[in-house]
PDB file of N, CA and C in Angstrom:
ATOM      1  N   ARG A   1     -19.374   7.694   7.194  1.00  0.00           N
ATOM      2  CA  ARG A   1     -18.313   7.121   7.982  1.00  0.00           C
ATOM      3  C   ARG A   1     -18.865   6.580   9.282  1.00  0.00           C
ATOM      4  N   ARG A   2     -18.269   5.470   9.676  1.00  0.00           N
ATOM      5  CA  ARG A   2     -18.640   4.860  10.947  1.00  0.00           C
ATOM      6  C   ARG A   2     -17.392   4.357  11.644  1.00  0.00           C
ATOM      7  N   LEU A   3     -17.427   4.364  12.932  1.00  0.00           N
ATOM      8  CA  LEU A   3     -16.357   3.790  13.717  1.00  0.00           C
ATOM      9  C   LEU A   3     -16.679   2.322  13.936  1.00  0.00           C
ATOM     10  N   LEU A   4     -15.715   1.470  13.644  1.00  0.00           N
ATOM     11  CA  LEU A   4     -15.914   0.034  13.743  1.00  0.00           C
ATOM     12  C   LEU A   4     -14.927  -0.534  14.748  1.00  0.00           C
ATOM     13  N   ALA A   5     -15.429  -1.163  15.785  1.00  0.00           N
ATOM     14  CA  ALA A   5     -14.566  -1.858  16.738  1.00  0.00           C
ATOM     15  C   ALA A   5     -14.445  -3.298  16.253  1.00  0.00           C
ATOM     16  N   ALA A   6     -13.219  -3.710  15.939  1.00  0.00           N
ATOM     17  CA  ALA A   6     -13.004  -5.041  15.383  1.00  0.00           C
ATOM     18  C   ALA A   6     -11.633  -5.547  15.796  1.00  0.00           C
ATOM     19  N   SER A   7     -11.434  -6.831  15.634  1.00  0.00           N
ATOM     20  CA  SER A   7     -10.144  -7.465  15.895  1.00  0.00           C
ATOM     21  C   SER A   7      -9.556  -7.956  14.581  1.00  0.00           C
ATOM     22  N   VAL A   8      -8.251  -7.757  14.418  1.00  0.00           N
ATOM     23  CA  VAL A   8      -7.579  -8.239  13.215  1.00  0.00           C
ATOM     24  C   VAL A   8      -7.412  -9.750  13.331  1.00  0.00           C
ATOM     25  N   ILE A   9      -7.939 -10.472  12.347  1.00  0.00           N
ATOM     26  CA  ILE A   9      -7.841 -11.930  12.316  1.00  0.00           C
ATOM     27  C   ILE A   9      -6.592 -12.359  11.563  1.00  0.00           C
ATOM     28  N   SER A  10      -6.314 -11.684  10.425  1.00  0.00           N
ATOM     29  CA  SER A  10      -5.130 -12.028   9.642  1.00  0.00           C
ATOM     30  C   SER A  10      -4.744 -10.876   8.729  1.00  0.00           C
ATOM     31  N   VAL A  11      -3.469 -10.882   8.354  1.00  0.00           N
ATOM     32  CA  VAL A  11      -2.958  -9.964   7.339  1.00  0.00           C
ATOM     33  C   VAL A  11      -2.984 -10.728   6.028  1.00  0.00           C
ATOM     34  N   GLN A  12      -3.640 -10.161   5.014  1.00  0.00           N
ATOM     35  CA  GLN A  12      -3.876 -10.878   3.761  1.00  0.00           C
ATOM     36  C   GLN A  12      -2.732 -10.801   2.766  1.00  0.00           C
ATOM     37  N   ASN A  13      -1.854  -9.819   2.909  1.00  0.00           N
ATOM     38  CA  ASN A  13      -0.756  -9.693   1.948  1.00  0.00           C
ATOM     39  C   ASN A  13       0.569  -9.603   2.681  1.00  0.00           C
ATOM     40  N   SER A  14       1.574 -10.247   2.152  1.00  0.00           N
ATOM     41  CA  SER A  14       2.887 -10.194   2.789  1.00  0.00           C
ATOM     42  C   SER A  14       3.681  -8.981   2.311  1.00  0.00           C
ATOM     43  N   ASN A  15       3.370  -8.450   1.146  1.00  0.00           N
ATOM     44  CA  ASN A  15       4.024  -7.248   0.625  1.00  0.00           C
ATOM     45  C   ASN A  15       3.095  -6.067   0.837  1.00  0.00           C
ATOM     46  N   PHE A  16       3.349  -5.286   1.879  1.00  0.00           N
ATOM     47  CA  PHE A  16       2.463  -4.171   2.187  1.00  0.00           C
ATOM     48  C   PHE A  16       3.039  -2.828   1.755  1.00  0.00           C
ATOM     49  N   VAL A  17       4.154  -2.861   1.020  1.00  0.00           N
ATOM     50  CA  VAL A  17       4.729  -1.665   0.411  1.00  0.00           C
ATOM     51  C   VAL A  17       4.842  -1.945  -1.085  1.00  0.00           C
ATOM     52  N   TYR A  18       4.368  -1.011  -1.895  1.00  0.00           N
ATOM     53  CA  TYR A  18       4.447  -1.235  -3.339  1.00  0.00           C
ATOM     54  C   TYR A  18       4.938   0.020  -4.049  1.00  0.00           C
ATOM     55  N   PRO A  19       5.629  -0.164  -5.194  1.00  0.00           N
ATOM     56  CA  PRO A  19       6.042   0.994  -5.982  1.00  0.00           C
ATOM     57  C   PRO A  19       4.803   1.631  -6.612  1.00  0.00           C
ATOM     58  N   SER A  20       4.651   2.936  -6.402  1.00  0.00           N
ATOM     59  CA  SER A  20       3.424   3.631  -6.769  1.00  0.00           C
ATOM     60  C   SER A  20       3.685   4.755  -7.756  1.00  0.00           C
ATOM     61  N   CYS A  21       2.802   4.872  -8.732  1.00  0.00           N
ATOM     62  CA  CYS A  21       2.858   5.978  -9.683  1.00  0.00           C
ATOM     63  C   CYS A  21       2.598   7.294  -8.948  1.00  0.00           C
ATOM     64  N   GLN A  22       3.420   8.291  -9.204  1.00  0.00           N
ATOM     65  CA  GLN A  22       3.239   9.581  -8.544  1.00  0.00           C
ATOM     66  C   GLN A  22       2.018  10.331  -9.078  1.00  0.00           C
ATOM     67  N   ASN A  23       1.516   9.940 -10.249  1.00  0.00           N
ATOM     68  CA  ASN A  23       0.364  10.618 -10.842  1.00  0.00           C
ATOM     69  C   ASN A  23      -0.966   9.979 -10.464  1.00  0.00           C
ATOM     70  N   CYS A  24      -1.056   8.631 -10.573  1.00  0.00           N
ATOM     71  CA  CYS A  24      -2.353   7.969 -10.395  1.00  0.00           C
ATOM     72  C   CYS A  24      -2.370   6.935  -9.261  1.00  0.00           C
ATOM     73  N   PHE A  25      -1.250   6.746  -8.580  1.00  0.00           N
ATOM     74  CA  PHE A  25      -1.100   5.823  -7.446  1.00  0.00           C
ATOM     75  C   PHE A  25      -1.242   4.349  -7.807  1.00  0.00           C
ATOM     76  N   SER A  26      -1.271   4.013  -9.099  1.00  0.00           N
ATOM     77  CA  SER A  26      -1.313   2.606  -9.512  1.00  0.00           C
ATOM     78  C   SER A  26       0.035   1.956  -9.246  1.00  0.00           C
ATOM     79  N   LYS A  27       0.029   0.626  -9.173  1.00  0.00           N
ATOM     80  CA  LYS A  27       1.269  -0.108  -8.969  1.00  0.00           C
ATOM     81  C   LYS A  27       2.131  -0.014 -10.217  1.00  0.00           C
ATOM     82  N   LEU A  28       3.417   0.291 -10.015  1.00  0.00           N
ATOM     83  CA  LEU A  28       4.351   0.407 -11.124  1.00  0.00           C
ATOM     84  C   LEU A  28       4.938  -0.945 -11.485  1.00  0.00           C
ATOM     85  N   ILE A  29       5.304  -1.081 -12.737  1.00  0.00           N
ATOM     86  CA  ILE A  29       6.075  -2.230 -13.217  1.00  0.00           C
ATOM     87  C   ILE A  29       7.544  -1.809 -13.161  1.00  0.00           C
ATOM     88  N   LEU A  30       8.345  -2.535 -12.383  1.00  0.00           N
ATOM     89  CA  LEU A  30       9.764  -2.220 -12.243  1.00  0.00           C
ATOM     90  C   LEU A  30      10.594  -3.250 -12.971  1.00  0.00           C
ATOM     91  N   ASP A  31      11.611  -2.780 -13.692  1.00  0.00           N
ATOM     92  CA  ASP A  31      12.654  -3.688 -14.158  1.00  0.00           C
ATOM     93  C   ASP A  31      13.940  -3.218 -13.483  1.00  0.00           C
ATOM     94  N   SER A  32      15.072  -3.678 -13.915  1.00  0.00           N
ATOM     95  CA  SER A  32      16.310  -3.379 -13.198  1.00  0.00           C
ATOM     96  C   SER A  32      16.649  -1.881 -13.156  1.00  0.00           C
ATOM     97  N   ASN A  33      16.291  -1.139 -14.187  1.00  0.00           N
ATOM     98  CA  ASN A  33      16.672   0.274 -14.253  1.00  0.00           C
ATOM     99  C   ASN A  33      15.515   1.250 -14.358  1.00  0.00           C
ATOM    100  N   ARG A  34      14.341   0.799 -14.790  1.00  0.00           N
ATOM    101  CA  ARG A  34      13.239   1.711 -15.119  1.00  0.00           C
ATOM    102  C   ARG A  34      11.942   1.281 -14.453  1.00  0.00           C
ATOM    103  N   PHE A  35      11.005   2.238 -14.355  1.00  0.00           N
ATOM    104  CA  PHE A  35       9.640   1.906 -13.955  1.00  0.00           C
ATOM    105  C   PHE A  35       8.682   2.383 -15.024  1.00  0.00           C
ATOM    106  N   ASN A  36       7.506   1.747 -15.070  1.00  0.00           N
ATOM    107  CA  ASN A  36       6.486   2.075 -16.051  1.00  0.00           C
ATOM    108  C   ASN A  36       5.123   1.905 -15.395  1.00  0.00           C
ATOM    109  N   CYS A  37       4.244   2.889 -15.586  1.00  0.00           N
ATOM    110  CA  CYS A  37       2.863   2.787 -15.110  1.00  0.00           C
ATOM    111  C   CYS A  37       1.977   2.388 -16.287  1.00  0.00           C
ATOM    112  N   LEU A  38       1.344   1.248 -16.171  1.00  0.00           N
ATOM    113  CA  LEU A  38       0.479   0.777 -17.255  1.00  0.00           C
ATOM    114  C   LEU A  38      -0.804   1.586 -17.368  1.00  0.00           C
ATOM    115  N   LYS A  39      -1.211   2.247 -16.293  1.00  0.00           N
ATOM    116  CA  LYS A  39      -2.471   2.993 -16.305  1.00  0.00           C
ATOM    117  C   LYS A  39      -2.331   4.357 -16.993  1.00  0.00           C
ATOM    118  N   CYS A  40      -1.306   5.147 -16.602  1.00  0.00           N
ATOM    119  CA  CYS A  40      -1.207   6.503 -17.159  1.00  0.00           C
ATOM    120  C   CYS A  40       0.010   6.721 -18.050  1.00  0.00           C
ATOM    121  N   GLY A  41       0.911   5.710 -18.135  1.00  0.00           N
ATOM    122  CA  GLY A  41       2.053   5.809 -19.020  1.00  0.00           C
ATOM    123  C   GLY A  41       3.274   6.493 -18.437  1.00  0.00           C
ATOM    124  N   CYS A  42       3.233   6.872 -17.170  1.00  0.00           N
ATOM    125  CA  CYS A  42       4.365   7.519 -16.515  1.00  0.00           C
ATOM    126  C   CYS A  42       5.566   6.568 -16.510  1.00  0.00           C
ATOM    127  N   THR A  43       6.765   7.098 -16.784  1.00  0.00           N
ATOM    128  CA  THR A  43       7.983   6.296 -16.770  1.00  0.00           C
ATOM    129  C   THR A  43       9.077   7.055 -16.025  1.00  0.00           C
ATOM    130  N   GLY A  44      10.113   6.330 -15.647  1.00  0.00           N
ATOM    131  CA  GLY A  44      11.245   6.970 -14.984  1.00  0.00           C
ATOM    132  C   GLY A  44      12.261   5.944 -14.554  1.00  0.00           C
ATOM    133  N   GLU A  45      13.263   6.417 -13.818  1.00  0.00           N
ATOM    134  CA  GLU A  45      14.291   5.524 -13.317  1.00  0.00           C
ATOM    135  C   GLU A  45      13.790   4.809 -12.066  1.00  0.00           C
ATOM    136  N   ALA A  46      14.106   3.527 -11.967  1.00  0.00           N
ATOM    137  CA  ALA A  46      13.629   2.705 -10.856  1.00  0.00           C
ATOM    138  C   ALA A  46      14.043   3.278  -9.507  1.00  0.00           C
ATOM    139  N   LYS A  47      15.217   3.879  -9.427  1.00  0.00           N
ATOM    140  CA  LYS A  47      15.690   4.425  -8.158  1.00  0.00           C
ATOM    141  C   LYS A  47      14.849   5.614  -7.694  1.00  0.00           C
ATOM    142  N   ASP A  48      14.074   6.230  -8.593  1.00  0.00           N
ATOM    143  CA  ASP A  48      13.242   7.387  -8.267  1.00  0.00           C
ATOM    144  C   ASP A  48      11.778   7.021  -8.004  1.00  0.00           C
ATOM    145  N   ALA A  49      11.452   5.740  -7.998  1.00  0.00           N
ATOM    146  CA  ALA A  49      10.059   5.321  -7.802  1.00  0.00           C
ATOM    147  C   ALA A  49       9.580   5.687  -6.397  1.00  0.00           C
ATOM    148  N   ASN A  50       8.330   6.119  -6.310  1.00  0.00           N
ATOM    149  CA  ASN A  50       7.680   6.383  -5.024  1.00  0.00           C
ATOM    150  C   ASN A  50       7.101   5.078  -4.498  1.00  0.00           C
ATOM    151  N   TYR A  51       6.947   4.977  -3.178  1.00  0.00           N
ATOM    152  CA  TYR A  51       6.363   3.787  -2.568  1.00  0.00           C
ATOM    153  C   TYR A  51       5.205   4.199  -1.679  1.00  0.00           C
ATOM    154  N   ARG A  52       4.193   3.324  -1.622  1.00  0.00           N
ATOM    155  CA  ARG A  52       3.011   3.533  -0.771  1.00  0.00           C
ATOM    156  C   ARG A  52       2.708   2.259  -0.011  1.00  0.00           C
ATOM    157  N   TYR A  53       1.978   2.435   1.077  1.00  0.00           N
ATOM    158  CA  TYR A  53       1.489   1.294   1.836  1.00  0.00           C
ATOM    159  C   TYR A  53       0.178   0.791   1.240  1.00  0.00           C
ATOM    160  N   LYS A  54      -0.008  -0.517   1.297  1.00  0.00           N
ATOM    161  CA  LYS A  54      -1.296  -1.152   0.989  1.00  0.00           C
ATOM    162  C   LYS A  54      -1.388  -2.368   1.902  1.00  0.00           C
ATOM    163  N   LEU A  55      -2.160  -2.228   2.957  1.00  0.00           N
ATOM    164  CA  LEU A  55      -2.277  -3.281   3.956  1.00  0.00           C
ATOM    165  C   LEU A  55      -3.689  -3.853   3.901  1.00  0.00           C
ATOM    166  N   SER A  56      -3.791  -5.124   3.534  1.00  0.00           N
ATOM    167  CA  SER A  56      -5.090  -5.801   3.449  1.00  0.00           C
ATOM    168  C   SER A  56      -5.254  -6.699   4.665  1.00  0.00           C
ATOM    169  N   LEU A  57      -6.366  -6.509   5.360  1.00  0.00           N
ATOM    170  CA  LEU A  57      -6.624  -7.222   6.611  1.00  0.00           C
ATOM    171  C   LEU A  57      -7.956  -7.941   6.562  1.00  0.00           C
ATOM    172  N   LYS A  58      -8.054  -9.013   7.292  1.00  0.00           N
ATOM    173  CA  LYS A  58      -9.345  -9.645   7.573  1.00  0.00           C
ATOM    174  C   LYS A  58      -9.624  -9.345   9.040  1.00  0.00           C
ATOM    175  N   VAL A  59     -10.755  -8.718   9.313  1.00  0.00           N
ATOM    176  CA  VAL A  59     -11.101  -8.328  10.677  1.00  0.00           C
ATOM    177  C   VAL A  59     -12.457  -8.904  11.050  1.00  0.00           C
ATOM    178  N   ALA A  60     -12.665  -9.072  12.340  1.00  0.00           N
ATOM    179  CA  ALA A  60     -13.923  -9.604  12.849  1.00  0.00           C
ATOM    180  C   ALA A  60     -14.551  -8.575  13.782  1.00  0.00           C
ATOM    181  N   GLY A  61     -15.816  -8.283  13.529  1.00  0.00           N
ATOM    182  CA  GLY A  61     -16.614  -7.475  14.435  1.00  0.00           C
ATOM    183  C   GLY A  61     -17.322  -8.401  15.409  1.00  0.00           C
ATOM    184  N   THR A  62     -18.365  -7.933  16.022  1.00  0.00           N
ATOM    185  CA  THR A  62     -19.080  -8.774  16.984  1.00  0.00           C
ATOM    186  C   THR A  62     -19.763  -9.968  16.328  1.00  0.00           C
ATOM    187  N   SER A  63     -20.217  -9.794  15.084  1.00  0.00           N
ATOM    188  CA  SER A  63     -20.901 -10.913  14.432  1.00  0.00           C
ATOM    189  C   SER A  63     -20.566 -11.073  12.949  1.00  0.00           C
ATOM    190  N   ASP A  64     -19.650 -10.276  12.442  1.00  0.00           N
ATOM    191  CA  ASP A  64     -19.343 -10.309  11.007  1.00  0.00           C
ATOM    192  C   ASP A  64     -17.838 -10.329  10.764  1.00  0.00           C
ATOM    193  N   LEU A  65     -17.452 -10.838   9.590  1.00  0.00           N
ATOM    194  CA  LEU A  65     -16.082 -10.760   9.102  1.00  0.00           C
ATOM    195  C   LEU A  65     -16.032  -9.722   7.995  1.00  0.00           C
ATOM    196  N   PHE A  66     -14.943  -8.960   7.951  1.00  0.00           N
ATOM    197  CA  PHE A  66     -14.772  -7.930   6.938  1.00  0.00           C
ATOM    198  C   PHE A  66     -13.389  -8.041   6.329  1.00  0.00           C
ATOM    199  N   ALA A  67     -13.286  -7.711   5.052  1.00  0.00           N
ATOM    200  CA  ALA A  67     -11.989  -7.538   4.401  1.00  0.00           C
ATOM    201  C   ALA A  67     -11.780  -6.034   4.260  1.00  0.00           C
ATOM    202  N   ILE A  68     -10.680  -5.535   4.798  1.00  0.00           N
ATOM    203  CA  ILE A  68     -10.393  -4.099   4.789  1.00  0.00           C
ATOM    204  C   ILE A  68      -9.019  -3.887   4.174  1.00  0.00           C
ATOM    205  N   THR A  69      -8.905  -2.894   3.310  1.00  0.00           N
ATOM    206  CA  THR A  69      -7.614  -2.509   2.751  1.00  0.00           C
ATOM    207  C   THR A  69      -7.368  -1.045   3.093  1.00  0.00           C
ATOM    208  N   VAL A  70      -6.201  -0.776   3.660  1.00  0.00           N
ATOM    209  CA  VAL A  70      -5.813   0.577   4.049  1.00  0.00           C
ATOM    210  C   VAL A  70      -4.642   0.982   3.162  1.00  0.00           C
ATOM    211  N   PHE A  71      -4.750   2.163   2.529  1.00  0.00           N
ATOM    212  CA  PHE A  71      -3.738   2.648   1.599  1.00  0.00           C
ATOM    213  C   PHE A  71      -3.040   3.886   2.136  1.00  0.00           C
ATOM    214  N   GLY A  72      -1.833   4.096   1.638  1.00  0.00           N
ATOM    215  CA  GLY A  72      -1.161   5.378   1.723  1.00  0.00           C
ATOM    216  C   GLY A  72      -0.631   5.809   3.063  1.00  0.00           C
ATOM    217  N   SER A  73      -0.508   7.112   3.204  1.00  0.00           N
ATOM    218  CA  SER A  73       0.165   7.710   4.346  1.00  0.00           C
ATOM    219  C   SER A  73      -0.606   7.570   5.652  1.00  0.00           C
ATOM    220  N   SER A  74      -1.842   7.103   5.619  1.00  0.00           N
ATOM    221  CA  SER A  74      -2.569   6.873   6.866  1.00  0.00           C
ATOM    222  C   SER A  74      -1.884   5.809   7.724  1.00  0.00           C
ATOM    223  N   LEU A  75      -1.014   5.004   7.115  1.00  0.00           N
ATOM    224  CA  LEU A  75      -0.276   3.977   7.855  1.00  0.00           C
ATOM    225  C   LEU A  75       1.087   4.463   8.348  1.00  0.00           C
ATOM    226  N   ASP A  76       1.513   5.669   7.982  1.00  0.00           N
ATOM    227  CA  ASP A  76       2.798   6.191   8.445  1.00  0.00           C
ATOM    228  C   ASP A  76       2.916   6.174   9.974  1.00  0.00           C
ATOM    229  N   PRO A  77       1.903   6.658  10.727  1.00  0.00           N
ATOM    230  CA  PRO A  77       2.022   6.633  12.192  1.00  0.00           C
ATOM    231  C   PRO A  77       2.113   5.208  12.755  1.00  0.00           C
ATOM    232  N   PHE A  78       1.448   4.263  12.126  1.00  0.00           N
ATOM    233  CA  PHE A  78       1.467   2.881  12.602  1.00  0.00           C
ATOM    234  C   PHE A  78       2.861   2.269  12.477  1.00  0.00           C
ATOM    235  N   PHE A  79       3.503   2.478  11.313  1.00  0.00           N
ATOM    236  CA  PHE A  79       4.833   1.925  11.077  1.00  0.00           C
ATOM    237  C   PHE A  79       5.950   2.844  11.575  1.00  0.00           C
ATOM    238  N   GLY A  80       5.647   4.111  11.792  1.00  0.00           N
ATOM    239  CA  GLY A  80       6.634   5.052  12.304  1.00  0.00           C
ATOM    240  C   GLY A  80       7.516   5.675  11.247  1.00  0.00           C
ATOM    241  N   VAL A  81       7.362   5.273   9.992  1.00  0.00           N
ATOM    242  CA  VAL A  81       8.124   5.826   8.871  1.00  0.00           C
ATOM    243  C   VAL A  81       7.240   5.810   7.626  1.00  0.00           C
ATOM    244  N   THR A  82       7.641   6.569   6.620  1.00  0.00           N
ATOM    245  CA  THR A  82       6.923   6.516   5.348  1.00  0.00           C
ATOM    246  C   THR A  82       7.220   5.206   4.647  1.00  0.00           C
ATOM    247  N   ALA A  83       6.413   4.856   3.677  1.00  0.00           N
ATOM    248  CA  ALA A  83       6.627   3.616   2.911  1.00  0.00           C
ATOM    249  C   ALA A  83       7.959   3.659   2.164  1.00  0.00           C
ATOM    250  N   GLY A  84       8.323   4.829   1.638  1.00  0.00           N
ATOM    251  CA  GLY A  84       9.595   4.959   0.937  1.00  0.00           C
ATOM    252  C   GLY A  84      10.784   4.726   1.857  1.00  0.00           C
ATOM    253  N   SER A  85      10.708   5.243   3.085  1.00  0.00           N
ATOM    254  CA  SER A  85      11.785   5.019   4.053  1.00  0.00           C
ATOM    255  C   SER A  85      11.869   3.560   4.460  1.00  0.00           C
ATOM    256  N   LEU A  86      10.736   2.928   4.634  1.00  0.00           N
ATOM    257  CA  LEU A  86      10.718   1.521   4.998  1.00  0.00           C
ATOM    258  C   LEU A  86      11.280   0.653   3.872  1.00  0.00           C
ATOM    259  N   GLN A  87      10.963   1.004   2.627  1.00  0.00           N
ATOM    260  CA  GLN A  87      11.449   0.251   1.479  1.00  0.00           C
ATOM    261  C   GLN A  87      12.966   0.312   1.377  1.00  0.00           C
ATOM    262  N   ARG A  88      13.550   1.482   1.668  1.00  0.00           N
ATOM    263  CA  ARG A  88      15.006   1.629   1.605  1.00  0.00           C
ATOM    264  C   ARG A  88      15.656   0.751   2.637  1.00  0.00           C
TER     265      ARG A  88
END
């Protein structure tokens, strides 16, 4: 691990909250009533789907550009709420 001082140049994705499988954290496929995880086969009602953050950024250090993706509850303090609360 290293501490990196950088400036955010751009946000790469406009959808930074996604429906997440409770077992494997993969993105769920939602239809009007149900969800399905293509990776592990988990299914359920769409209203019970969990949500997670996925924020993709382009950042600049002193001499380099980096693409960084931050997942999950580490973004809760930044947004002030969980991804599920924000989605509601």
